[in-house]
Amino acid sequence: MEKVVSTPQHTGTDPRARSSRQRVIQRWCWLFIAPNLLFYAMFQGWPIVINWYYALHDWSGISSDIQYVGLQNFKDIIHDLYFWKAYANSFKFMLGSVPLLLVLALLIALVLNNPKLRGAAVYRTLYFIPVVTTASIVGIIMVYIWSSDGAVNFMLTSLGILDAPVNWLGDANWAMFTVIMIYVWKNLGMNMIYWLAGLQTVPRELYEAARVDGATHFRTFVHITLPQIMPIGLVILLLNIAGSLKVFDLIKTMTEGGPFYATDVVSTYIYRYAFSSEMGLPRMGYASAAGIFFAFTIVLIAVIQAWINGRMKSSGRGGA
């Protein structure tokens, strides 16, 4: 009887074939992300590198005369009172806008997350429309709405809330408040989407169990919803802090940092020295140093928040 000898064949479980297939997949992955990496290096990486170079030089950005000055630009920034006013205004803007954004967006998300609510998709769209509207266009329109003879003053005086119109953007006492309100309205929809994403990860079984136990809506929110969405809440907080500290377009189009530098933030301060002739000949090196100085602040805040987040997670594991 003839003996049949079987020869080994490469199957899907062969380690060599699987390794070869993985290498092919990795090459295709790198090929597809190569354009993104190229554009990132061109429009993000290179500006960051060259910004450090400019920060160490005295250069107007126009002439070919560029002089190395070392850390002199950073020393000038430290002694500039206008920079520290803009620095303080950036944090004033952040402290005024971020809590409002987080709380209001969460309240709206809680309402819209109700599966029994009719027309929830329509409401979400209405709240999200300002997000997709160009910030500069919003700023230009808001100048007219919040002007002395604008719609806001007309409504408030008609209702008897105000005796006389208020120049919301032209009064140093009200300008920052007004800019914060507009910023919150503009970005409320995006934060609502973030919170909705977090709320939809909470298992419905927990709500049903709480309802069976007779828990009120408030106790359900405090003991079930809030602990479940806290991790994504920390991410939303970081995004809002970074976004508010980098605000530029709304303030530039509405107040340009005025009146009397009442709404001047670090972004408008940098723009004024880098590209505007308001301060005389532009100082590109000085503006670059100001940007690096403020960037360290944002990085420090991110590191502190990451440390707090890690501590909270480790405490949660320890408590388990």
Protein backbone atom coordinates (compact mmCIF):
# COMPACT_ATOMS: atom_id res chain seq x y z
CA MET A 1 0.00 0.00 0.00
CA GLU A 2 1.43 3.34 -1.07
CA LYS A 3 2.10 5.76 1.75
CA VAL A 4 0.92 9.32 1.24
CA VAL A 5 3.28 11.94 2.59
CA SER A 6 1.68 15.30 3.28
CA THR A 7 3.77 18.44 2.80
CA PRO A 8 3.37 21.35 5.18
CA GLN A 9 1.44 24.27 3.72
CA HIS A 10 1.35 27.90 4.85
CA THR A 11 -1.94 28.52 6.57
CA GLY A 12 -3.39 31.51 8.29
CA THR A 13 -1.98 30.29 11.59
CA ASP A 14 1.62 30.10 10.35
CA PRO A 15 3.68 32.58 12.44
CA ARG A 16 5.87 33.56 9.48
CA ALA A 17 2.90 34.28 7.24
CA ARG A 18 1.15 36.21 10.00
CA SER A 19 4.25 38.29 10.66
CA SER A 20 4.65 39.06 6.97
CA ARG A 21 1.02 40.11 6.72
CA GLN A 22 1.40 42.41 9.72
CA ARG A 23 4.43 44.09 8.14
CA VAL A 24 2.44 44.72 4.97
CA ILE A 25 -0.41 46.22 6.99
CA GLN A 26 2.03 48.45 8.90
CA ARG A 27 3.55 49.72 5.64
CA TRP A 28 0.11 50.61 4.32
CA CYS A 29 -0.74 52.35 7.60
CA TRP A 30 2.42 54.46 7.42
CA LEU A 31 1.69 55.22 3.78
CA PHE A 32 -1.78 56.54 4.60
CA ILE A 33 -0.70 58.67 7.56
CA ALA A 34 2.40 60.02 5.78
CA PRO A 35 0.51 63.01 4.25
CA ASN A 36 -0.83 63.97 7.67
CA LEU A 37 2.61 63.72 9.22
CA LEU A 38 4.06 65.82 6.41
CA PHE A 39 1.47 68.57 6.79
CA TYR A 40 1.85 68.50 10.57
CA ALA A 41 5.61 68.89 10.27
CA MET A 42 5.18 71.77 7.81
CA PHE A 43 2.43 73.74 9.56
CA GLN A 44 2.90 72.77 13.24
CA GLY A 45 6.35 71.31 13.83
CA TRP A 46 8.40 73.78 11.82
CA PRO A 47 6.67 76.92 13.22
CA ILE A 48 7.34 75.69 16.75
CA VAL A 49 11.02 75.15 15.99
CA ILE A 50 11.50 78.46 14.18
CA ASN A 51 9.60 80.28 16.93
CA TRP A 52 12.36 79.35 19.38
CA TYR A 53 14.90 80.73 16.94
CA TYR A 54 13.06 84.03 16.57
CA ALA A 55 12.63 84.34 20.35
CA LEU A 56 16.40 84.59 20.73
CA HIS A 57 16.74 87.32 18.11
CA ASP A 58 15.70 90.91 17.58
CA TRP A 59 13.85 90.96 14.26
CA SER A 60 10.99 92.99 12.88
CA GLY A 61 9.79 90.24 10.57
CA ILE A 62 10.13 92.62 7.62
CA SER A 63 13.77 93.57 7.18
CA SER A 64 16.66 91.21 6.63
CA ASP A 65 18.47 92.63 9.66
CA ILE A 66 18.26 90.03 12.43
CA GLN A 67 20.40 90.22 15.56
CA TYR A 68 21.01 87.61 18.23
CA VAL A 69 20.02 88.92 21.67
CA GLY A 70 19.86 85.72 23.71
CA LEU A 71 17.31 85.88 26.53
CA GLN A 72 16.83 89.65 26.32
CA ASN A 73 13.34 89.31 24.85
CA PHE A 74 12.27 87.18 27.81
CA LYS A 75 13.72 89.74 30.23
CA ASP A 76 11.80 92.53 28.50
CA ILE A 77 8.58 90.53 28.79
CA ILE A 78 9.04 90.01 32.52
CA HIS A 79 9.35 93.77 33.03
CA ASP A 80 6.44 94.71 30.74
CA LEU A 81 3.36 95.64 32.81
CA TYR A 82 1.10 95.43 29.74
CA PHE A 83 2.09 91.82 29.23
CA TRP A 84 1.17 90.95 32.79
CA LYS A 85 -2.15 92.74 32.39
CA ALA A 86 -2.85 90.64 29.30
CA TYR A 87 -1.64 87.58 31.20
CA ALA A 88 -4.05 88.30 34.06
CA ASN A 89 -6.89 89.01 31.62
CA SER A 90 -6.34 85.60 29.99
CA PHE A 91 -6.91 83.87 33.32
CA LYS A 92 -9.80 86.17 34.16
CA PHE A 93 -11.38 85.17 30.86
CA MET A 94 -10.72 81.50 31.58
CA LEU A 95 -12.14 81.62 35.11
CA GLY A 96 -15.23 83.44 33.88
CA SER A 97 -15.99 81.24 30.87
CA VAL A 98 -14.96 77.67 31.74
CA PRO A 99 -17.25 77.12 34.79
CA LEU A 100 -20.23 78.53 32.87
CA LEU A 101 -19.47 76.34 29.86
CA LEU A 102 -19.15 73.18 31.94
CA VAL A 103 -22.26 73.71 34.07
CA LEU A 104 -24.63 75.04 31.40
CA ALA A 105 -23.57 72.44 28.83
CA LEU A 106 -23.99 69.65 31.37
CA LEU A 107 -27.50 70.82 32.30
CA ILE A 108 -28.51 70.96 28.63
CA ALA A 109 -26.96 67.54 27.98
CA LEU A 110 -28.87 66.04 30.90
CA VAL A 111 -32.15 67.30 29.45
CA LEU A 112 -31.37 66.20 25.89
CA ASN A 113 -30.14 62.79 27.03
CA ASN A 114 -33.67 61.88 28.10
CA PRO A 115 -34.81 59.16 25.65
CA LYS A 116 -38.44 60.27 26.09
CA LEU A 117 -37.75 63.84 24.95
CA ARG A 118 -39.32 64.56 21.58
CA GLY A 119 -37.34 66.54 19.04
CA ALA A 120 -34.03 66.06 20.90
CA ALA A 121 -32.12 65.95 17.61
CA VAL A 122 -33.58 69.32 16.60
CA TYR A 123 -32.57 70.91 19.90
CA ARG A 124 -29.05 69.50 19.60
CA THR A 125 -28.74 71.00 16.14
CA LEU A 126 -29.93 74.41 17.31
CA TYR A 127 -27.42 74.47 20.15
CA PHE A 128 -24.62 73.30 17.84
CA ILE A 129 -25.17 75.88 15.07
CA PRO A 130 -23.00 78.60 16.76
CA VAL A 131 -20.10 76.13 16.95
CA VAL A 132 -19.89 75.74 13.16
CA THR A 133 -20.28 79.48 12.59
CA THR A 134 -17.01 81.31 11.91
CA ALA A 135 -15.84 83.07 15.06
CA SER A 136 -14.86 86.24 13.22
CA ILE A 137 -18.32 86.48 11.66
CA VAL A 138 -19.90 85.95 15.07
CA GLY A 139 -17.71 88.70 16.51
CA ILE A 140 -18.67 91.21 13.80
CA ILE A 141 -22.38 90.49 14.23
CA MET A 142 -22.17 90.68 18.02
CA VAL A 143 -20.64 94.16 17.80
CA TYR A 144 -23.95 95.37 16.37
CA ILE A 145 -26.14 93.28 18.69
CA TRP A 146 -24.36 94.49 21.86
CA SER A 147 -23.84 98.10 20.75
CA SER A 148 -25.53 101.04 22.48
CA ASP A 149 -28.43 100.96 20.02
CA GLY A 150 -28.34 97.20 19.49
CA ALA A 151 -30.87 94.46 20.19
CA VAL A 152 -29.63 93.69 23.72
CA ASN A 153 -30.03 97.26 24.95
CA PHE A 154 -33.39 97.58 23.18
CA MET A 155 -34.72 94.46 24.93
CA LEU A 156 -33.37 95.37 28.37
CA THR A 157 -34.65 98.94 28.25
CA SER A 158 -38.02 97.80 26.91
CA LEU A 159 -38.39 95.40 29.84
CA GLY A 160 -37.39 98.12 32.29
CA ILE A 161 -34.25 96.28 33.42
CA LEU A 162 -32.05 99.18 32.27
CA ASP A 163 -32.87 102.86 32.53
CA ALA A 164 -30.37 103.81 29.82
CA PRO A 165 -28.44 101.84 27.18
CA VAL A 166 -25.05 100.41 28.12
CA ASN A 167 -22.07 100.39 25.80
CA TRP A 168 -21.27 96.75 26.58
CA LEU A 169 -18.12 96.47 24.46
CA GLY A 170 -16.98 100.07 24.85
CA ASP A 171 -17.17 100.25 28.64
CA ALA A 172 -14.11 98.89 30.46
CA ASN A 173 -16.34 97.70 33.32
CA TRP A 174 -18.55 95.56 31.07
CA ALA A 175 -16.35 94.59 28.12
CA MET A 176 -14.81 91.45 29.64
CA PHE A 177 -18.19 90.26 30.93
CA THR A 178 -19.72 90.73 27.48
CA VAL A 179 -16.92 88.91 25.67
CA ILE A 180 -17.21 86.00 28.11
CA MET A 181 -20.97 85.72 27.54
CA ILE A 182 -20.51 85.63 23.77
CA TYR A 183 -17.71 83.07 24.03
CA VAL A 184 -19.87 80.83 26.23
CA TRP A 185 -22.78 81.07 23.77
CA LYS A 186 -20.45 80.29 20.86
CA ASN A 187 -18.92 77.15 22.42
CA LEU A 188 -21.87 75.83 24.41
CA GLY A 189 -22.89 73.34 21.71
CA MET A 190 -19.50 71.64 21.52
CA ASN A 191 -19.40 71.08 25.27
CA MET A 192 -22.96 69.76 25.13
CA ILE A 193 -21.81 67.12 22.61
CA TYR A 194 -18.90 66.17 24.87
CA TRP A 195 -21.19 65.72 27.86
CA LEU A 196 -23.74 63.79 25.80
CA ALA A 197 -20.99 61.38 24.75
CA GLY A 198 -20.13 60.83 28.39
CA LEU A 199 -23.74 60.47 29.53
CA GLN A 200 -24.48 57.85 26.90
CA THR A 201 -21.75 55.62 28.31
CA VAL A 202 -23.58 55.32 31.64
CA PRO A 203 -25.39 51.94 31.75
CA ARG A 204 -29.17 52.30 31.78
CA GLU A 205 -29.37 49.42 34.23
CA LEU A 206 -27.95 51.68 36.95
CA TYR A 207 -30.74 54.20 36.43
CA GLU A 208 -33.36 51.46 36.47
CA ALA A 209 -31.97 50.05 39.72
CA ALA A 210 -31.95 53.52 41.29
CA ARG A 211 -35.54 54.10 40.19
CA VAL A 212 -36.60 50.77 41.74
CA ASP A 213 -34.91 51.79 45.01
CA GLY A 214 -36.86 55.06 44.98
CA ALA A 215 -33.89 57.38 44.44
CA THR A 216 -34.69 60.95 43.42
CA HIS A 217 -33.31 62.55 40.25
CA PHE A 218 -30.84 64.58 42.31
CA ARG A 219 -29.52 61.55 44.23
CA THR A 220 -29.29 59.58 40.99
CA PHE A 221 -27.23 62.35 39.43
CA VAL A 222 -24.92 62.70 42.45
CA HIS A 223 -24.34 59.01 43.15
CA ILE A 224 -24.55 57.47 39.66
CA THR A 225 -24.22 59.97 36.82
CA LEU A 226 -21.52 62.23 38.24
CA PRO A 227 -19.04 59.47 39.23
CA GLN A 228 -19.52 57.76 35.87
CA ILE A 229 -18.84 60.88 33.76
CA MET A 230 -16.06 62.31 35.94
CA PRO A 231 -13.18 60.94 33.75
CA ILE A 232 -14.55 62.52 30.58
CA GLY A 233 -15.37 65.63 32.59
CA LEU A 234 -11.68 66.10 33.38
CA VAL A 235 -10.86 65.87 29.67
CA ILE A 236 -13.56 68.43 28.87
CA LEU A 237 -12.14 70.70 31.57
CA LEU A 238 -8.65 70.55 30.05
CA LEU A 239 -9.98 71.24 26.55
CA ASN A 240 -11.91 74.26 27.79
CA ILE A 241 -9.00 75.65 29.78
CA ALA A 242 -6.66 75.39 26.79
CA GLY A 243 -9.27 76.82 24.41
CA SER A 244 -10.14 79.78 26.64
CA LEU A 245 -6.50 80.68 27.24
CA LYS A 246 -5.89 80.72 23.48
CA VAL A 247 -8.92 82.86 22.60
CA PHE A 248 -8.14 85.40 19.91
CA ASP A 249 -10.61 85.75 17.05
CA LEU A 250 -13.66 86.83 19.06
CA ILE A 251 -11.74 89.43 21.05
CA LYS A 252 -9.88 90.68 17.99
CA THR A 253 -13.05 91.27 15.98
CA MET A 254 -15.10 92.73 18.85
CA THR A 255 -12.76 94.83 21.01
CA GLU A 256 -9.19 94.37 19.71
CA GLY A 257 -8.15 94.15 23.35
CA GLY A 258 -9.83 97.39 24.40
CA PRO A 259 -11.18 99.53 25.80
CA PHE A 260 -8.04 100.63 27.65
CA TYR A 261 -6.68 97.05 27.42
CA ALA A 262 -9.60 95.76 29.52
CA THR A 263 -10.02 92.70 27.27
CA ASP A 264 -6.43 92.43 26.09
CA VAL A 265 -5.29 88.79 26.39
CA VAL A 266 -1.94 87.23 25.58
CA SER A 267 -3.04 86.27 22.05
CA THR A 268 -3.99 89.84 21.12
CA TYR A 269 -0.86 91.09 22.87
CA ILE A 270 1.30 88.81 20.70
CA TYR A 271 -0.57 89.83 17.55
CA ARG A 272 -0.07 93.51 18.33
CA TYR A 273 3.71 93.14 18.56
CA ALA A 274 4.15 90.58 15.77
CA PHE A 275 1.93 91.86 12.95
CA SER A 276 0.47 95.24 13.85
CA SER A 277 2.06 98.65 13.40
CA GLU A 278 0.19 99.92 16.46
CA MET A 279 3.35 99.66 18.57
CA GLY A 280 5.63 100.96 15.82
CA LEU A 281 7.83 98.57 13.90
CA PRO A 282 6.76 94.94 14.52
CA ARG A 283 8.90 92.90 16.93
CA MET A 284 8.65 89.31 15.75
CA GLY A 285 11.30 88.04 18.15
CA TYR A 286 9.66 89.68 21.14
CA ALA A 287 6.23 88.30 20.18
CA SER A 288 7.74 84.81 19.76
CA ALA A 289 9.22 84.98 23.23
CA ALA A 290 5.84 86.03 24.66
CA GLY A 291 4.19 83.06 22.95
CA ILE A 292 6.75 80.62 24.37
CA PHE A 293 6.43 82.15 27.82
CA PHE A 294 2.65 81.70 27.82
CA ALA A 295 2.86 78.22 26.25
CA PHE A 296 4.80 77.05 29.30
CA THR A 297 1.87 78.18 31.44
CA ILE A 298 -0.59 76.07 29.45
CA VAL A 299 1.74 73.05 29.56
CA LEU A 300 2.13 73.47 33.34
CA ILE A 301 -1.65 73.51 33.78
CA ALA A 302 -1.96 70.36 31.67
CA VAL A 303 0.71 68.59 33.74
CA ILE A 304 -0.99 69.57 37.01
CA GLN A 305 -4.35 68.38 35.76
CA ALA A 306 -2.84 65.08 34.56
CA TRP A 307 -1.30 64.62 38.00
CA ILE A 308 -4.65 65.29 39.70
CA ASN A 309 -6.36 62.89 37.32
CA GLY A 310 -3.80 60.19 38.12
CA ARG A 311 -4.25 60.75 41.84
CA MET A 312 -8.01 60.46 41.51
CA LYS A 313 -7.72 57.21 39.55
CA SER A 314 -5.26 55.70 42.01
CA SER A 315 -7.52 56.71 44.91
CA GLY A 316 -10.43 55.04 43.17
CA ARG A 317 -8.43 51.84 42.71
CA GLY A 318 -7.26 51.99 46.27
CA GLY A 319 -10.79 52.43 47.53
CA ALA A 320 -11.92 49.42 45.53
